[in-house]
C-alpha cells in the first residue's frame, strides 16, 4: 500500500468529520475552535516531534510524526488545500537540490 494512499484516506476521514458534533469528534472540535487553534496544535506537534527526535526512542518519534502529519492534514483541510496540491509541489521539487530550490524561491 502506498504511503499517499494512507494519507489520502486520512484526509478523507478528516473531511468527513469536519462538520460532525464537536462533542464526538476531535477534528470537529478543532474546527469549532478555529484556524488559530488548529495552527497552534500543529506547532505543538512539530515541537513534540523535534523533542522525540532528540531525546526519546524510535517509537516515540514514530508516534509524534504521525500526530504531526494528522494535524498538518487538519490544517490543510481547514484552508481548503488538498493533499494532492502538496504532493504535486513535492513532485515539482523532485530532483532539484534543496539549496537551488530555496535560492529560486528567494530570487
PDB file of N, CA and C in Angstrom:
ATOM      1  N   UNK A   1       0.847  -1.177   0.000  1.00  0.00           N
ATOM      2  CA  UNK A   1       0.000   0.000   0.000  1.00  0.00           C
ATOM      3  C   UNK A   1       0.894   1.243   0.000  1.00  0.00           C
ATOM      4  N   UNK A   2       0.615   2.182  -0.880  1.00  0.00           N
ATOM      5  CA  UNK A   2       1.411   3.403  -0.988  1.00  0.00           C
ATOM      6  C   UNK A   2       1.126   4.333   0.182  1.00  0.00           C
ATOM      7  N   UNK A   3       2.164   5.035   0.597  1.00  0.00           N
ATOM      8  CA  UNK A   3       2.025   5.977   1.700  1.00  0.00           C
ATOM      9  C   UNK A   3       0.967   7.019   1.400  1.00  0.00           C
ATOM     10  N   UNK A   4       0.946   7.508   0.162  1.00  0.00           N
ATOM     11  CA  UNK A   4      -0.041   8.537  -0.170  1.00  0.00           C
ATOM     12  C   UNK A   4      -1.462   7.998  -0.048  1.00  0.00           C
ATOM     13  N   UNK A   5      -1.660   6.680  -0.248  1.00  0.00           N
ATOM     14  CA  UNK A   5      -2.995   6.100  -0.054  1.00  0.00           C
ATOM     15  C   UNK A   5      -3.437   6.261   1.398  1.00  0.00           C
ATOM     16  N   UNK A   6      -2.538   5.998   2.323  1.00  0.00           N
ATOM     17  CA  UNK A   6      -2.841   6.149   3.741  1.00  0.00           C
ATOM     18  C   UNK A   6      -3.190   7.595   4.046  1.00  0.00           C
ATOM     19  N   UNK A   7      -2.378   8.510   3.549  1.00  0.00           N
ATOM     20  CA  UNK A   7      -2.624   9.933   3.799  1.00  0.00           C
ATOM     21  C   UNK A   7      -3.906  10.401   3.120  1.00  0.00           C
ATOM     22  N   UNK A   8      -4.200   9.888   1.929  1.00  0.00           N
ATOM     23  CA  UNK A   8      -5.436  10.278   1.250  1.00  0.00           C
ATOM     24  C   UNK A   8      -6.664   9.746   1.986  1.00  0.00           C
ATOM     25  N   UNK A   9      -6.571   8.538   2.533  1.00  0.00           N
ATOM     26  CA  UNK A   9      -7.693   8.016   3.336  1.00  0.00           C
ATOM     27  C   UNK A   9      -7.875   8.861   4.593  1.00  0.00           C
ATOM     28  N   UNK A  10      -6.764   9.226   5.231  1.00  0.00           N
ATOM     29  CA  UNK A  10      -6.849  10.070   6.418  1.00  0.00           C
ATOM     30  C   UNK A  10      -7.437  11.430   6.072  1.00  0.00           C
ATOM     31  N   UNK A  11      -7.017  11.991   4.947  1.00  0.00           N
ATOM     32  CA  UNK A  11      -7.567  13.273   4.508  1.00  0.00           C
ATOM     33  C   UNK A  11      -9.084  13.180   4.326  1.00  0.00           C
ATOM     34  N   UNK A  12      -9.555  12.100   3.738  1.00  0.00           N
ATOM     35  CA  UNK A  12     -10.997  11.911   3.526  1.00  0.00           C
ATOM     36  C   UNK A  12     -11.729  11.762   4.858  1.00  0.00           C
ATOM     37  N   UNK A  13     -11.140  11.051   5.791  1.00  0.00           N
ATOM     38  CA  UNK A  13     -11.751  10.886   7.115  1.00  0.00           C
ATOM     39  C   UNK A  13     -11.844  12.230   7.826  1.00  0.00           C
ATOM     40  N   UNK A  14     -10.774  13.010   7.749  1.00  0.00           N
ATOM     41  CA  UNK A  14     -10.775  14.345   8.365  1.00  0.00           C
ATOM     42  C   UNK A  14     -11.869  15.209   7.751  1.00  0.00           C
ATOM     43  N   UNK A  15     -11.983  15.185   6.429  1.00  0.00           N
ATOM     44  CA  UNK A  15     -13.016  15.982   5.745  1.00  0.00           C
ATOM     45  C   UNK A  15     -14.413  15.548   6.181  1.00  0.00           C
ATOM     46  N   UNK A  16     -14.608  14.250   6.323  1.00  0.00           N
ATOM     47  CA  UNK A  16     -15.925  13.732   6.711  1.00  0.00           C
ATOM     48  C   UNK A  16     -16.293  14.126   8.145  1.00  0.00           C
ATOM     49  N   UNK A  17     -15.294  14.301   8.972  1.00  0.00           N
ATOM     50  CA  UNK A  17     -15.560  14.603  10.386  1.00  0.00           C
ATOM     51  C   UNK A  17     -15.551  16.099  10.699  1.00  0.00           C
ATOM     52  N   UNK A  18     -15.156  16.903   9.761  1.00  0.00           N
ATOM     53  CA  UNK A  18     -15.018  18.346   9.995  1.00  0.00           C
ATOM     54  C   UNK A  18     -16.288  18.974  10.554  1.00  0.00           C
ATOM     55  N   UNK A  19     -17.430  18.576  10.046  1.00  0.00           N
ATOM     56  CA  UNK A  19     -18.695  19.180  10.462  1.00  0.00           C
ATOM     57  C   UNK A  19     -19.497  18.295  11.400  1.00  0.00           C
ATOM     58  N   UNK A  20     -18.847  17.322  12.003  1.00  0.00           N
ATOM     59  CA  UNK A  20     -19.523  16.439  12.965  1.00  0.00           C
ATOM     60  C   UNK A  20     -19.746  17.191  14.279  1.00  0.00           C
ATOM     61  N   UNK A  21     -20.337  16.513  15.212  1.00  0.00           N
ATOM     62  CA  UNK A  21     -20.566  17.072  16.542  1.00  0.00           C
ATOM     63  C   UNK A  21     -19.224  17.193  17.265  1.00  0.00           C
ATOM     64  N   UNK A  22     -18.831  18.395  17.675  1.00  0.00           N
ATOM     65  CA  UNK A  22     -17.557  18.571  18.373  1.00  0.00           C
ATOM     66  C   UNK A  22     -17.448  17.769  19.671  1.00  0.00           C
ATOM     67  N   UNK A  23     -18.566  17.353  20.238  1.00  0.00           N
ATOM     68  CA  UNK A  23     -18.518  16.512  21.438  1.00  0.00           C
ATOM     69  C   UNK A  23     -18.120  15.073  21.109  1.00  0.00           C
ATOM     70  N   UNK A  24     -18.242  14.707  19.816  1.00  0.00           N
ATOM     71  CA  UNK A  24     -17.965  13.329  19.405  1.00  0.00           C
ATOM     72  C   UNK A  24     -16.791  13.199  18.455  1.00  0.00           C
ATOM     73  N   UNK A  25     -16.223  14.303  17.997  1.00  0.00           N
ATOM     74  CA  UNK A  25     -15.147  14.254  17.007  1.00  0.00           C
ATOM     75  C   UNK A  25     -14.059  15.262  17.351  1.00  0.00           C
ATOM     76  N   UNK A  26     -12.842  14.767  17.487  1.00  0.00           N
ATOM     77  CA  UNK A  26     -11.700  15.642  17.750  1.00  0.00           C
ATOM     78  C   UNK A  26     -11.491  16.619  16.593  1.00  0.00           C
ATOM     79  N   UNK A  27     -11.649  16.137  15.363  1.00  0.00           N
ATOM     80  CA  UNK A  27     -11.488  17.012  14.192  1.00  0.00           C
ATOM     81  C   UNK A  27     -12.522  18.130  14.236  1.00  0.00           C
ATOM     82  N   UNK A  28     -13.767  17.788  14.495  1.00  0.00           N
ATOM     83  CA  UNK A  28     -14.820  18.804  14.572  1.00  0.00           C
ATOM     84  C   UNK A  28     -14.547  19.781  15.709  1.00  0.00           C
ATOM     85  N   UNK A  29     -14.044  19.280  16.820  1.00  0.00           N
ATOM     86  CA  UNK A  29     -13.720  20.139  17.954  1.00  0.00           C
ATOM     87  C   UNK A  29     -12.631  21.145  17.583  1.00  0.00           C
ATOM     88  N   UNK A  30     -11.595  20.672  16.889  1.00  0.00           N
ATOM     89  CA  UNK A  30     -10.545  21.594  16.431  1.00  0.00           C
ATOM     90  C   UNK A  30     -11.121  22.655  15.499  1.00  0.00           C
ATOM     91  N   UNK A  31     -11.928  22.223  14.542  1.00  0.00           N
ATOM     92  CA  UNK A  31     -12.523  23.174  13.588  1.00  0.00           C
ATOM     93  C   UNK A  31     -13.423  24.182  14.288  1.00  0.00           C
ATOM     94  N   UNK A  32     -14.150  23.725  15.282  1.00  0.00           N
ATOM     95  CA  UNK A  32     -15.034  24.635  16.020  1.00  0.00           C
ATOM     96  C   UNK A  32     -14.230  25.703  16.754  1.00  0.00           C
ATOM     97  N   UNK A  33     -13.021  25.366  17.134  1.00  0.00           N
ATOM     98  CA  UNK A  33     -12.171  26.313  17.860  1.00  0.00           C
ATOM     99  C   UNK A  33     -11.420  27.258  16.924  1.00  0.00           C
ATOM    100  N   UNK A  34     -11.432  26.965  15.626  1.00  0.00           N
ATOM    101  CA  UNK A  34     -10.899  27.902  14.650  1.00  0.00           C
ATOM    102  C   UNK A  34      -9.480  27.626  14.167  1.00  0.00           C
ATOM    103  N   UNK A  35      -9.123  28.361  13.150  1.00  0.00           N
ATOM    104  CA  UNK A  35      -7.835  28.185  12.484  1.00  0.00           C
ATOM    105  C   UNK A  35      -6.662  28.424  13.425  1.00  0.00           C
ATOM    106  N   UNK A  36      -6.774  29.403  14.307  1.00  0.00           N
ATOM    107  CA  UNK A  36      -5.668  29.660  15.226  1.00  0.00           C
ATOM    108  C   UNK A  36      -5.373  28.449  16.103  1.00  0.00           C
ATOM    109  N   UNK A  37      -6.408  27.770  16.586  1.00  0.00           N
ATOM    110  CA  UNK A  37      -6.208  26.584  17.422  1.00  0.00           C
ATOM    111  C   UNK A  37      -5.611  25.448  16.613  1.00  0.00           C
ATOM    112  N   UNK A  38      -6.086  25.282  15.388  1.00  0.00           N
ATOM    113  CA  UNK A  38      -5.545  24.230  14.524  1.00  0.00           C
ATOM    114  C   UNK A  38      -4.056  24.480  14.283  1.00  0.00           C
ATOM    115  N   UNK A  39      -3.704  25.713  13.961  1.00  0.00           N
ATOM    116  CA  UNK A  39      -2.300  26.052  13.721  1.00  0.00           C
ATOM    117  C   UNK A  39      -1.465  25.867  14.989  1.00  0.00           C
ATOM    118  N   UNK A  40      -2.029  26.240  16.132  1.00  0.00           N
ATOM    119  CA  UNK A  40      -1.333  26.062  17.406  1.00  0.00           C
ATOM    120  C   UNK A  40      -1.049  24.582  17.658  1.00  0.00           C
ATOM    121  N   UNK A  41      -2.045  23.731  17.415  1.00  0.00           N
ATOM    122  CA  UNK A  41      -1.857  22.291  17.624  1.00  0.00           C
ATOM    123  C   UNK A  41      -0.780  21.752  16.695  1.00  0.00           C
ATOM    124  N   UNK A  42      -0.747  22.213  15.454  1.00  0.00           N
ATOM    125  CA  UNK A  42       0.295  21.765  14.527  1.00  0.00           C
ATOM    126  C   UNK A  42       1.667  22.167  15.059  1.00  0.00           C
ATOM    127  N   UNK A  43       1.786  23.385  15.552  1.00  0.00           N
ATOM    128  CA  UNK A  43       3.050  23.833  16.129  1.00  0.00           C
ATOM    129  C   UNK A  43       3.457  23.005  17.326  1.00  0.00           C
ATOM    130  N   UNK A  44       2.497  22.682  18.186  1.00  0.00           N
ATOM    131  CA  UNK A  44       2.785  21.844  19.352  1.00  0.00           C
ATOM    132  C   UNK A  44       3.279  20.471  18.922  1.00  0.00           C
ATOM    133  N   UNK A  45       2.626  19.905  17.919  1.00  0.00           N
ATOM    134  CA  UNK A  45       3.026  18.579  17.446  1.00  0.00           C
ATOM    135  C   UNK A  45       4.402  18.628  16.782  1.00  0.00           C
ATOM    136  N   UNK A  46       4.706  19.715  16.083  1.00  0.00           N
ATOM    137  CA  UNK A  46       6.037  19.856  15.484  1.00  0.00           C
ATOM    138  C   UNK A  46       7.106  19.898  16.575  1.00  0.00           C
ATOM    139  N   UNK A  47       6.838  20.644  17.628  1.00  0.00           N
ATOM    140  CA  UNK A  47       7.781  20.730  18.747  1.00  0.00           C
ATOM    141  C   UNK A  47       7.950  19.368  19.414  1.00  0.00           C
ATOM    142  N   UNK A  48       6.852  18.664  19.628  1.00  0.00           N
ATOM    143  CA  UNK A  48       6.929  17.343  20.252  1.00  0.00           C
ATOM    144  C   UNK A  48       7.692  16.360  19.370  1.00  0.00           C
ATOM    145  N   UNK A  49       7.572  16.510  18.056  1.00  0.00           N
ATOM    146  CA  UNK A  49       8.313  15.650  17.133  1.00  0.00           C
ATOM    147  C   UNK A  49       9.809  15.908  17.244  1.00  0.00           C
ATOM    148  N   UNK A  50      10.182  17.169  17.320  1.00  0.00           N
ATOM    149  CA  UNK A  50      11.597  17.523  17.478  1.00  0.00           C
ATOM    150  C   UNK A  50      12.136  16.975  18.792  1.00  0.00           C
ATOM    151  N   UNK A  51      11.388  17.145  19.859  1.00  0.00           N
ATOM    152  CA  UNK A  51      11.818  16.647  21.169  1.00  0.00           C
ATOM    153  C   UNK A  51      11.991  15.130  21.133  1.00  0.00           C
ATOM    154  N   UNK A  52      11.042  14.442  20.520  1.00  0.00           N
ATOM    155  CA  UNK A  52      11.141  12.984  20.418  1.00  0.00           C
ATOM    156  C   UNK A  52      12.361  12.576  19.597  1.00  0.00           C
ATOM    157  N   UNK A  53      12.653  13.321  18.563  1.00  0.00           N
ATOM    158  CA  UNK A  53      13.815  13.001  17.734  1.00  0.00           C
ATOM    159  C   UNK A  53      15.115  13.156  18.509  1.00  0.00           C
ATOM    160  N   UNK A  54      15.156  14.119  19.392  1.00  0.00           N
ATOM    161  CA  UNK A  54      16.381  14.404  20.119  1.00  0.00           C
ATOM    162  C   UNK A  54      16.529  13.623  21.417  1.00  0.00           C
ATOM    163  N   UNK A  55      15.420  13.268  22.049  1.00  0.00           N
ATOM    164  CA  UNK A  55      15.530  12.768  23.414  1.00  0.00           C
ATOM    165  C   UNK A  55      14.848  11.434  23.682  1.00  0.00           C
ATOM    166  N   UNK A  56      14.032  10.951  22.770  1.00  0.00           N
ATOM    167  CA  UNK A  56      13.258   9.760  23.082  1.00  0.00           C
ATOM    168  C   UNK A  56      13.578   8.623  22.124  1.00  0.00           C
ATOM    169  N   UNK A  57      12.868   7.539  22.276  1.00  0.00           N
ATOM    170  CA  UNK A  57      13.134   6.367  21.458  1.00  0.00           C
ATOM    171  C   UNK A  57      12.401   6.427  20.115  1.00  0.00           C
ATOM    172  N   UNK A  58      12.693   5.461  19.295  1.00  0.00           N
ATOM    173  CA  UNK A  58      12.138   5.394  17.939  1.00  0.00           C
ATOM    174  C   UNK A  58      10.612   5.397  17.955  1.00  0.00           C
ATOM    175  N   UNK A  59      10.009   4.625  18.841  1.00  0.00           N
ATOM    176  CA  UNK A  59       8.544   4.541  18.911  1.00  0.00           C
ATOM    177  C   UNK A  59       7.931   5.895  19.233  1.00  0.00           C
ATOM    178  N   UNK A  60       8.570   6.652  20.105  1.00  0.00           N
ATOM    179  CA  UNK A  60       8.064   7.987  20.441  1.00  0.00           C
ATOM    180  C   UNK A  60       8.111   8.891  19.217  1.00  0.00           C
ATOM    181  N   UNK A  61       9.192   8.827  18.462  1.00  0.00           N
ATOM    182  CA  UNK A  61       9.305   9.654  17.257  1.00  0.00           C
ATOM    183  C   UNK A  61       8.266   9.252  16.218  1.00  0.00           C
ATOM    184  N   UNK A  62       8.062   7.966  16.049  1.00  0.00           N
ATOM    185  CA  UNK A  62       7.048   7.497  15.089  1.00  0.00           C
ATOM    186  C   UNK A  62       5.670   8.021  15.485  1.00  0.00           C
ATOM    187  N   UNK A  63       5.334   7.923  16.761  1.00  0.00           N
ATOM    188  CA  UNK A  63       4.041   8.406  17.232  1.00  0.00           C
ATOM    189  C   UNK A  63       3.873   9.897  17.054  1.00  0.00           C
ATOM    190  N   UNK A  64       4.900  10.647  17.384  1.00  0.00           N
ATOM    191  CA  UNK A  64       4.817  12.108  17.231  1.00  0.00           C
ATOM    192  C   UNK A  64       4.771  12.505  15.755  1.00  0.00           C
ATOM    193  N   UNK A  65       5.499  11.794  14.908  1.00  0.00           N
ATOM    194  CA  UNK A  65       5.449  12.084  13.467  1.00  0.00           C
ATOM    195  C   UNK A  65       4.046  11.836  12.919  1.00  0.00           C
ATOM    196  N   UNK A  66       3.395  10.776  13.401  1.00  0.00           N
ATOM    197  CA  UNK A  66       2.012  10.504  12.984  1.00  0.00           C
ATOM    198  C   UNK A  66       1.085  11.630  13.431  1.00  0.00           C
ATOM    199  N   UNK A  67       1.257  12.095  14.670  1.00  0.00           N
ATOM    200  CA  UNK A  67       0.456  13.221  15.159  1.00  0.00           C
ATOM    201  C   UNK A  67       0.694  14.466  14.311  1.00  0.00           C
ATOM    202  N   UNK A  68       1.938  14.697  13.946  1.00  0.00           N
ATOM    203  CA  UNK A  68       2.284  15.870  13.134  1.00  0.00           C
ATOM    204  C   UNK A  68       1.610  15.804  11.767  1.00  0.00           C
ATOM    205  N   UNK A  69       1.681  14.653  11.117  1.00  0.00           N
ATOM    206  CA  UNK A  69       1.036  14.511   9.803  1.00  0.00           C
ATOM    207  C   UNK A  69      -0.477  14.681   9.918  1.00  0.00           C
ATOM    208  N   UNK A  70      -1.064  14.096  10.947  1.00  0.00           N
ATOM    209  CA  UNK A  70      -2.506  14.227  11.164  1.00  0.00           C
ATOM    210  C   UNK A  70      -2.894  15.702  11.284  1.00  0.00           C
ATOM    211  N   UNK A  71      -2.211  16.427  12.152  1.00  0.00           N
ATOM    212  CA  UNK A  71      -2.566  17.826  12.373  1.00  0.00           C
ATOM    213  C   UNK A  71      -2.262  18.696  11.148  1.00  0.00           C
ATOM    214  N   UNK A  72      -1.242  18.327  10.374  1.00  0.00           N
ATOM    215  CA  UNK A  72      -0.984  19.040   9.118  1.00  0.00           C
ATOM    216  C   UNK A  72      -2.162  18.853   8.162  1.00  0.00           C
ATOM    217  N   UNK A  73      -2.679  17.635   8.081  1.00  0.00           N
ATOM    218  CA  UNK A  73      -3.830  17.395   7.209  1.00  0.00           C
ATOM    219  C   UNK A  73      -5.072  18.134   7.699  1.00  0.00           C
ATOM    220  N   UNK A  74      -5.247  18.248   9.004  1.00  0.00           N
ATOM    221  CA  UNK A  74      -6.362  19.033   9.537  1.00  0.00           C
ATOM    222  C   UNK A  74      -6.220  20.492   9.101  1.00  0.00           C
ATOM    223  N   UNK A  75      -5.007  21.036   9.224  1.00  0.00           N
ATOM    224  CA  UNK A  75      -4.769  22.430   8.827  1.00  0.00           C
ATOM    225  C   UNK A  75      -4.978  22.626   7.328  1.00  0.00           C
ATOM    226  N   UNK A  76      -4.428  21.737   6.525  1.00  0.00           N
ATOM    227  CA  UNK A  76      -4.616  21.853   5.073  1.00  0.00           C
ATOM    228  C   UNK A  76      -6.102  21.820   4.723  1.00  0.00           C
ATOM    229  N   UNK A  77      -6.853  20.926   5.362  1.00  0.00           N
ATOM    230  CA  UNK A  77      -8.294  20.848   5.106  1.00  0.00           C
ATOM    231  C   UNK A  77      -9.009  22.125   5.491  1.00  0.00           C
ATOM    232  N   UNK A  78      -8.600  22.700   6.610  1.00  0.00           N
ATOM    233  CA  UNK A  78      -9.223  23.948   7.060  1.00  0.00           C
ATOM    234  C   UNK A  78      -8.970  25.087   6.077  1.00  0.00           C
ATOM    235  N   UNK A  79      -7.857  25.015   5.363  1.00  0.00           N
ATOM    236  CA  UNK A  79      -7.512  26.043   4.373  1.00  0.00           C
ATOM    237  C   UNK A  79      -7.917  25.634   2.955  1.00  0.00           C
ATOM    238  N   UNK A  80      -8.673  24.534   2.834  1.00  0.00           N
ATOM    239  CA  UNK A  80      -9.128  24.011   1.535  1.00  0.00           C
ATOM    240  C   UNK A  80      -7.970  23.754   0.572  1.00  0.00           C
ATOM    241  N   UNK A  81      -6.890  23.207   1.113  1.00  0.00           N
ATOM    242  CA  UNK A  81      -5.735  22.820   0.292  1.00  0.00           C
ATOM    243  C   UNK A  81      -5.681  21.296   0.283  1.00  0.00           C
ATOM    244  N   UNK A  82      -5.954  20.683  -0.855  1.00  0.00           N
ATOM    245  CA  UNK A  82      -5.919  19.223  -0.903  1.00  0.00           C
ATOM    246  C   UNK A  82      -4.494  18.689  -0.820  1.00  0.00           C
ATOM    247  N   UNK A  83      -4.359  17.514  -0.249  1.00  0.00           N
ATOM    248  CA  UNK A  83      -3.067  16.856  -0.155  1.00  0.00           C
ATOM    249  C   UNK A  83      -2.416  16.727  -1.526  1.00  0.00           C
ATOM    250  N   UNK A  84      -3.217  16.531  -2.555  1.00  0.00           N
ATOM    251  CA  UNK A  84      -2.656  16.388  -3.902  1.00  0.00           C
ATOM    252  C   UNK A  84      -1.870  17.626  -4.321  1.00  0.00           C
ATOM    253  N   UNK A  85      -2.264  18.803  -3.838  1.00  0.00           N
ATOM    254  CA  UNK A  85      -1.502  20.016  -4.153  1.00  0.00           C
ATOM    255  C   UNK A  85      -0.114  19.972  -3.516  1.00  0.00           C
ATOM    256  N   UNK A  86      -0.050  19.490  -2.276  1.00  0.00           N
ATOM    257  CA  UNK A  86       1.238  19.381  -1.588  1.00  0.00           C
ATOM    258  C   UNK A  86       2.099  18.322  -2.269  1.00  0.00           C
ATOM    259  N   UNK A  87       1.488  17.192  -2.622  1.00  0.00           N
ATOM    260  CA  UNK A  87       2.235  16.138  -3.303  1.00  0.00           C
ATOM    261  C   UNK A  87       2.732  16.606  -4.664  1.00  0.00           C
ATOM    262  N   UNK A  88       1.925  17.396  -5.361  1.00  0.00           N
ATOM    263  CA  UNK A  88       2.350  17.936  -6.655  1.00  0.00           C
ATOM    264  C   UNK A  88       3.543  18.873  -6.484  1.00  0.00           C
ATOM    265  N   UNK A  89       3.547  19.650  -5.415  1.00  0.00           N
ATOM    266  CA  UNK A  89       4.673  20.536  -5.148  1.00  0.00           C
ATOM    267  C   UNK A  89       5.939  19.727  -4.853  1.00  0.00           C
ATOM    268  N   UNK A  90       5.789  18.644  -4.097  1.00  0.00           N
ATOM    269  CA  UNK A  90       6.936  17.772  -3.845  1.00  0.00           C
ATOM    270  C   UNK A  90       7.435  17.141  -5.147  1.00  0.00           C
ATOM    271  N   UNK A  91       6.501  16.727  -6.005  1.00  0.00           N
ATOM    272  CA  UNK A  91       6.889  16.180  -7.306  1.00  0.00           C
ATOM    273  C   UNK A  91       7.640  17.221  -8.127  1.00  0.00           C
ATOM    274  N   UNK A  92       7.173  18.463  -8.079  1.00  0.00           N
ATOM    275  CA  UNK A  92       7.814  19.535  -8.835  1.00  0.00           C
ATOM    276  C   UNK A  92       9.255  19.740  -8.363  1.00  0.00           C
ATOM    277  N   UNK A  93       9.469  19.590  -7.068  1.00  0.00           N
ATOM    278  CA  UNK A  93      10.797  19.801  -6.498  1.00  0.00           C
ATOM    279  C   UNK A  93      11.730  18.604  -6.644  1.00  0.00           C
ATOM    280  N   UNK A  94      11.170  17.454  -7.010  1.00  0.00           N
ATOM    281  CA  UNK A  94      11.983  16.239  -7.078  1.00  0.00           C
ATOM    282  C   UNK A  94      13.144  16.418  -8.052  1.00  0.00           C
ATOM    283  N   UNK A  95      14.308  16.027  -7.606  1.00  0.00           N
ATOM    284  CA  UNK A  95      15.499  16.120  -8.446  1.00  0.00           C
ATOM    285  C   UNK A  95      16.164  17.475  -8.418  1.00  0.00           C
ATOM    286  N   UNK A  96      15.595  18.405  -7.669  1.00  0.00           N
ATOM    287  CA  UNK A  96      16.183  19.745  -7.558  1.00  0.00           C
ATOM    288  C   UNK A  96      16.871  19.825  -6.206  1.00  0.00           C
ATOM    289  N   UNK A  97      18.096  20.291  -6.208  1.00  0.00           N
ATOM    290  CA  UNK A  97      18.832  20.471  -4.956  1.00  0.00           C
ATOM    291  C   UNK A  97      18.038  21.380  -4.029  1.00  0.00           C
ATOM    292  N   UNK A  98      18.000  21.025  -2.749  1.00  0.00           N
ATOM    293  CA  UNK A  98      17.317  21.862  -1.771  1.00  0.00           C
ATOM    294  C   UNK A  98      17.896  23.260  -1.725  1.00  0.00           C
ATOM    295  N   UNK A  99      19.186  23.363  -1.897  1.00  0.00           N
ATOM    296  CA  UNK A  99      19.846  24.673  -1.901  1.00  0.00           C
ATOM    297  C   UNK A  99      19.398  25.473  -3.122  1.00  0.00           C
ATOM    298  N   UNK A 100      19.363  24.826  -4.293  1.00  0.00           N
ATOM    299  CA  UNK A 100      18.936  25.516  -5.511  1.00  0.00           C
ATOM    300  C   UNK A 100      17.450  25.900  -5.442  1.00  0.00           C
ATOM    301  N   UNK A 101      16.634  25.000  -4.884  1.00  0.00           N
ATOM    302  CA  UNK A 101      15.202  25.278  -4.792  1.00  0.00           C
ATOM    303  C   UNK A 101      14.960  26.479  -3.874  1.00  0.00           C
ATOM    304  N   UNK A 102      15.650  26.540  -2.751  1.00  0.00           N
ATOM    305  CA  UNK A 102      15.475  27.665  -1.825  1.00  0.00           C
ATOM    306  C   UNK A 102      15.962  28.959  -2.471  1.00  0.00           C
ATOM    307  N   UNK A 103      17.065  28.908  -3.184  1.00  0.00           N
ATOM    308  CA  UNK A 103      17.591  30.097  -3.856  1.00  0.00           C
ATOM    309  C   UNK A 103      16.601  30.613  -4.889  1.00  0.00           C
ATOM    310  N   UNK A 104      15.929  29.700  -5.591  1.00  0.00           N
ATOM    311  CA  UNK A 104      14.943  30.106  -6.591  1.00  0.00           C
ATOM    312  C   UNK A 104      13.750  30.795  -5.951  1.00  0.00           C
ATOM    313  N   UNK A 105      13.355  30.355  -4.747  1.00  0.00           N
ATOM    314  CA  UNK A 105      12.247  30.996  -4.042  1.00  0.00           C
ATOM    315  C   UNK A 105      12.630  32.394  -3.580  1.00  0.00           C
ATOM    316  N   UNK A 106      13.881  32.611  -3.268  1.00  0.00           N
ATOM    317  CA  UNK A 106      14.333  33.904  -2.738  1.00  0.00           C
ATOM    318  C   UNK A 106      14.680  34.916  -3.826  1.00  0.00           C
ATOM    319  N   UNK A 107      14.689  34.466  -5.072  1.00  0.00           N
ATOM    320  CA  UNK A 107      15.070  35.415  -6.152  1.00  0.00           C
ATOM    321  C   UNK A 107      13.859  36.083  -6.756  1.00  0.00           C
TER     322      UNK A 107
END
